[in-house]
Amino acid sequence: MGTLFAEGRERNRAFSIWGAAGGSGMALGSLLGGVLTQAFGWPAIFFVNVPLAAVGVVAALMLIPVDHEDRGARRFDVPSSAPTSAAGWRPASACTSRSPRALPWPASALPYSA
């Protein structure tokens, strides 16, 4: 958004609208989520995102201008992305695993460990 709008009043307005939308979405989402779960049960929270995402995609396609700038040939960098992904995946899987053998520290250091 910082590059889409001109510096000054136009960009400041865009960021303020973005912030207001995020804040009101957080507050209304919490309130309406409670109403939704009370009326239809907790599985209903998964269905509310489908129409909202569809509206968001359509709005983005209509409102965001197409970037015609030529950036040259771009390729996916597998030699760099594979080790980076593995480095992030290992700690996350170790922390969420229920097996004490997967942890890089003693299982006794964790509360409620088996």
Protein backbone atom coordinates (compact mmCIF):
# COMPACT_ATOMS: atom_id res chain seq x y z
CA MET A 1 0.00 0.00 0.00
CA GLY A 2 2.97 2.26 0.57
CA THR A 3 3.83 2.19 -3.12
CA LEU A 4 0.28 2.19 -4.48
CA PHE A 5 -0.61 5.67 -3.17
CA ALA A 6 1.25 8.94 -3.59
CA GLU A 7 3.16 10.20 -0.57
CA GLY A 8 1.32 12.68 1.58
CA ARG A 9 -2.41 13.09 2.15
CA GLU A 10 -3.47 10.25 -0.18
CA ARG A 11 -1.17 7.66 1.42
CA ASN A 12 -2.01 8.80 4.95
CA ARG A 13 -5.71 8.43 4.20
CA ALA A 14 -5.18 4.95 2.75
CA PHE A 15 -3.25 3.79 5.82
CA SER A 16 -5.83 5.26 8.19
CA ILE A 17 -8.67 3.48 6.36
CA TRP A 18 -6.63 0.25 6.42
CA GLY A 19 -6.05 0.59 10.17
CA ALA A 20 -9.69 1.43 10.89
CA ALA A 21 -10.87 -1.56 8.85
CA GLY A 22 -8.49 -3.88 10.69
CA GLY A 23 -9.48 -2.60 14.13
CA SER A 24 -13.19 -2.72 13.46
CA GLY A 25 -12.83 -6.17 11.89
CA MET A 26 -11.12 -7.42 15.02
CA ALA A 27 -13.81 -6.05 17.32
CA LEU A 28 -16.78 -7.03 15.16
CA GLY A 29 -15.29 -10.43 14.41
CA SER A 30 -15.08 -11.26 18.09
CA LEU A 31 -18.61 -10.09 18.81
CA LEU A 32 -20.24 -11.64 15.76
CA GLY A 33 -18.22 -14.83 16.22
CA GLY A 34 -19.86 -15.26 19.61
CA VAL A 35 -23.30 -14.70 18.16
CA LEU A 36 -22.57 -17.11 15.32
CA THR A 37 -21.38 -19.88 17.63
CA GLN A 38 -24.34 -19.43 19.96
CA ALA A 39 -26.82 -19.59 17.11
CA PHE A 40 -25.31 -22.29 14.88
CA GLY A 41 -22.53 -23.98 16.89
CA TRP A 42 -18.78 -23.71 16.59
CA PRO A 43 -18.45 -25.40 13.13
CA ALA A 44 -20.25 -22.38 11.62
CA ILE A 45 -17.12 -20.25 12.07
CA PHE A 46 -15.48 -22.12 9.20
CA PHE A 47 -18.26 -21.23 6.74
CA VAL A 48 -18.35 -17.49 7.39
CA ASN A 49 -14.93 -17.01 5.76
CA VAL A 50 -15.95 -18.38 2.35
CA PRO A 51 -18.28 -15.52 1.32
CA LEU A 52 -15.99 -12.92 2.91
CA ALA A 53 -13.00 -14.26 0.96
CA ALA A 54 -15.01 -14.26 -2.27
CA VAL A 55 -16.01 -10.62 -1.73
CA GLY A 56 -12.38 -9.76 -0.95
CA VAL A 57 -11.06 -11.41 -4.11
CA VAL A 58 -13.63 -9.69 -6.32
CA ALA A 59 -12.97 -6.32 -4.67
CA ALA A 60 -9.20 -6.73 -5.06
CA LEU A 61 -9.53 -7.61 -8.74
CA MET A 62 -11.71 -4.55 -9.31
CA LEU A 63 -9.84 -2.00 -7.18
CA ILE A 64 -6.13 -2.87 -7.30
CA PRO A 65 -4.49 -1.75 -10.54
CA VAL A 66 -2.52 -4.24 -12.60
CA ASP A 67 1.25 -3.83 -12.36
CA HIS A 68 2.63 -3.81 -15.90
CA GLU A 69 6.25 -3.25 -14.88
CA ASP A 70 8.61 -5.75 -16.50
CA ARG A 71 10.71 -7.40 -13.81
CA GLY A 72 12.59 -9.75 -16.10
CA ALA A 73 12.65 -13.51 -15.89
CA ARG A 74 11.96 -14.66 -12.32
CA ARG A 75 12.41 -18.20 -11.14
CA PHE A 76 11.70 -20.00 -7.92
CA ASP A 77 14.98 -20.42 -6.02
CA VAL A 78 14.83 -24.07 -4.87
CA PRO A 79 18.43 -24.34 -3.57
CA SER A 80 17.79 -21.49 -1.13
CA SER A 81 14.16 -22.13 -0.26
CA ALA A 82 14.50 -25.82 0.61
CA PRO A 83 16.99 -25.40 3.50
CA THR A 84 15.17 -22.30 4.74
CA SER A 85 11.85 -24.15 4.81
CA ALA A 86 13.43 -27.14 6.55
CA ALA A 87 15.05 -24.87 9.14
CA GLY A 88 11.66 -23.36 9.99
CA TRP A 89 9.77 -26.63 9.84
CA ARG A 90 11.96 -28.57 12.28
CA PRO A 91 11.52 -26.34 15.37
CA ALA A 92 7.80 -25.99 14.69
CA SER A 93 7.30 -29.74 14.36
CA ALA A 94 9.40 -30.41 17.45
CA CYS A 95 7.34 -27.99 19.53
CA THR A 96 4.03 -29.42 18.39
CA SER A 97 5.00 -33.07 18.58
CA ARG A 98 3.67 -35.20 21.41
CA SER A 99 6.74 -37.44 21.30
CA PRO A 100 9.46 -36.54 23.85
CA ARG A 101 12.07 -37.91 21.42
CA ALA A 102 11.31 -35.14 18.91
CA LEU A 103 12.13 -32.35 21.35
CA PRO A 104 15.59 -30.75 21.41
CA TRP A 105 15.33 -30.44 25.22
CA PRO A 106 14.36 -32.91 27.94
CA ALA A 107 10.66 -33.65 28.06
CA SER A 108 10.72 -33.06 31.80
CA ALA A 109 11.22 -29.35 31.08
CA LEU A 110 7.71 -29.18 29.62
CA PRO A 111 4.59 -28.92 31.73
CA TYR A 112 2.15 -31.79 31.35
CA SER A 113 4.66 -33.98 29.53
CA ALA A 114 4.09 -37.71 29.53
